[in-house]
Amino acid sequence: MKLISAKQSTNTGCSSTIILSQEKSIQKLNEVVKSLREQLQQCRSINEKTLNATLSSLAQSVIELERQQIVED
């Protein structure tokens, strides 16, 4: 019976080690996911600012072209 108990103890120890290792891996993955989400949000913010600036510039160009057409008419 003691041999079985020793085996069970060894298996339990291995299982605990594996679980701890998996928990550490999950924690690292969660940190990576958090970082990637933050980077994605930054990219979205930059893209939105760039789009708004481009649209504003385009609108100004259209207004200027319309003014030139009015002057030419």
C-alpha atoms as a PDB file:
ATOM      1  CA  MET A   1       0.000   0.000   0.000  1.00  0.00           C
ATOM      2  CA  LYS A   2       2.840   2.395   0.726  1.00  0.00           C
ATOM      3  CA  LEU A   3       4.139   1.981  -2.827  1.00  0.00           C
ATOM      4  CA  ILE A   4       0.796   3.122  -4.211  1.00  0.00           C
ATOM      5  CA  SER A   5       0.759   6.078  -1.864  1.00  0.00           C
ATOM      6  CA  ALA A   6       4.257   7.071  -2.997  1.00  0.00           C
ATOM      7  CA  LYS A   7       3.154   6.862  -6.638  1.00  0.00           C
ATOM      8  CA  GLN A   8       0.082   8.918  -5.919  1.00  0.00           C
ATOM      9  CA  SER A   9       2.211  11.469  -4.110  1.00  0.00           C
ATOM     10  CA  THR A  10       4.602  11.673  -7.067  1.00  0.00           C
ATOM     11  CA  ASN A  11       1.710  12.022  -9.512  1.00  0.00           C
ATOM     12  CA  THR A  12       0.140  14.724  -7.368  1.00  0.00           C
ATOM     13  CA  GLY A  13       3.453  16.585  -7.238  1.00  0.00           C
ATOM     14  CA  CYS A  14       3.834  16.388 -11.015  1.00  0.00           C
ATOM     15  CA  SER A  15       0.253  17.519 -11.522  1.00  0.00           C
ATOM     16  CA  SER A  16       0.795  20.489  -9.220  1.00  0.00           C
ATOM     17  CA  THR A  17       3.959  21.448 -11.105  1.00  0.00           C
ATOM     18  CA  ILE A  18       2.158  21.220 -14.432  1.00  0.00           C
ATOM     19  CA  ILE A  19      -0.766  23.281 -13.139  1.00  0.00           C
ATOM     20  CA  LEU A  20       1.562  25.976 -11.780  1.00  0.00           C
ATOM     21  CA  SER A  21       3.422  26.064 -15.089  1.00  0.00           C
ATOM     22  CA  GLN A  22       0.152  26.387 -16.994  1.00  0.00           C
ATOM     23  CA  GLU A  23      -1.035  29.157 -14.682  1.00  0.00           C
ATOM     24  CA  LYS A  24       2.196  31.083 -15.319  1.00  0.00           C
ATOM     25  CA  SER A  25       1.769  30.593 -19.056  1.00  0.00           C
ATOM     26  CA  ILE A  26      -1.822  31.809 -18.884  1.00  0.00           C
ATOM     27  CA  GLN A  27      -0.743  34.858 -16.897  1.00  0.00           C
ATOM     28  CA  LYS A  28       1.922  35.687 -19.506  1.00  0.00           C
ATOM     29  CA  LEU A  29      -0.611  35.252 -22.303  1.00  0.00           C
ATOM     30  CA  ASN A  30      -3.066  37.536 -20.511  1.00  0.00           C
ATOM     31  CA  GLU A  31      -0.340  40.176 -20.230  1.00  0.00           C
ATOM     32  CA  VAL A  32       0.422  39.850 -23.946  1.00  0.00           C
ATOM     33  CA  VAL A  33      -3.282  40.138 -24.805  1.00  0.00           C
ATOM     34  CA  LYS A  34      -3.584  43.251 -22.625  1.00  0.00           C
ATOM     35  CA  SER A  35      -0.558  44.815 -24.311  1.00  0.00           C
ATOM     36  CA  LEU A  36      -1.886  43.992 -27.776  1.00  0.00           C
ATOM     37  CA  ARG A  37      -5.279  45.503 -26.925  1.00  0.00           C
ATOM     38  CA  GLU A  38      -3.563  48.694 -25.773  1.00  0.00           C
ATOM     39  CA  GLN A  39      -1.512  48.818 -28.980  1.00  0.00           C
ATOM     40  CA  LEU A  40      -4.631  48.240 -31.063  1.00  0.00           C
ATOM     41  CA  GLN A  41      -6.411  51.084 -29.276  1.00  0.00           C
ATOM     42  CA  GLN A  42      -3.442  53.376 -29.937  1.00  0.00           C
ATOM     43  CA  CYS A  43      -3.473  52.433 -33.617  1.00  0.00           C
ATOM     44  CA  ARG A  44      -7.206  53.083 -33.851  1.00  0.00           C
ATOM     45  CA  SER A  45      -6.753  56.467 -32.218  1.00  0.00           C
ATOM     46  CA  ILE A  46      -3.917  57.392 -34.580  1.00  0.00           C
ATOM     47  CA  ASN A  47      -5.922  56.192 -37.586  1.00  0.00           C
ATOM     48  CA  GLU A  48      -8.938  58.228 -36.492  1.00  0.00           C
ATOM     49  CA  LYS A  49      -6.825  61.372 -36.063  1.00  0.00           C
ATOM     50  CA  THR A  50      -5.168  60.809 -39.447  1.00  0.00           C
ATOM     51  CA  LEU A  51      -8.525  60.262 -41.126  1.00  0.00           C
ATOM     52  CA  ASN A  52      -9.990  63.388 -39.542  1.00  0.00           C
ATOM     53  CA  ALA A  53      -6.971  65.466 -40.601  1.00  0.00           C
ATOM     54  CA  THR A  54      -7.163  64.081 -44.141  1.00  0.00           C
ATOM     55  CA  LEU A  55     -10.886  64.784 -44.394  1.00  0.00           C
ATOM     56  CA  SER A  56     -10.383  68.286 -43.058  1.00  0.00           C
ATOM     57  CA  SER A  57      -7.625  68.942 -45.579  1.00  0.00           C
ATOM     58  CA  LEU A  58      -9.752  67.514 -48.375  1.00  0.00           C
ATOM     59  CA  ALA A  59     -12.704  69.672 -47.342  1.00  0.00           C
ATOM     60  CA  GLN A  60     -10.479  72.772 -47.373  1.00  0.00           C
ATOM     61  CA  SER A  61      -9.241  71.841 -50.844  1.00  0.00           C
ATOM     62  CA  VAL A  62     -12.801  71.440 -52.111  1.00  0.00           C
ATOM     63  CA  ILE A  63     -13.779  74.812 -50.617  1.00  0.00           C
ATOM     64  CA  GLU A  64     -10.773  76.470 -52.257  1.00  0.00           C
ATOM     65  CA  LEU A  65     -11.593  74.894 -55.625  1.00  0.00           C
ATOM     66  CA  GLU A  66     -15.197  76.083 -55.341  1.00  0.00           C
ATOM     67  CA  ARG A  67     -13.983  79.610 -54.560  1.00  0.00           C
ATOM     68  CA  GLN A  68     -11.705  79.563 -57.597  1.00  0.00           C
ATOM     69  CA  GLN A  69     -14.574  78.422 -59.810  1.00  0.00           C
ATOM     70  CA  ILE A  70     -16.765  81.233 -58.494  1.00  0.00           C
ATOM     71  CA  VAL A  71     -14.027  83.796 -59.202  1.00  0.00           C
ATOM     72  CA  GLU A  72     -13.492  82.404 -62.707  1.00  0.00           C
ATOM     73  CA  ASP A  73     -17.227  82.525 -63.514  1.00  0.00           C
END
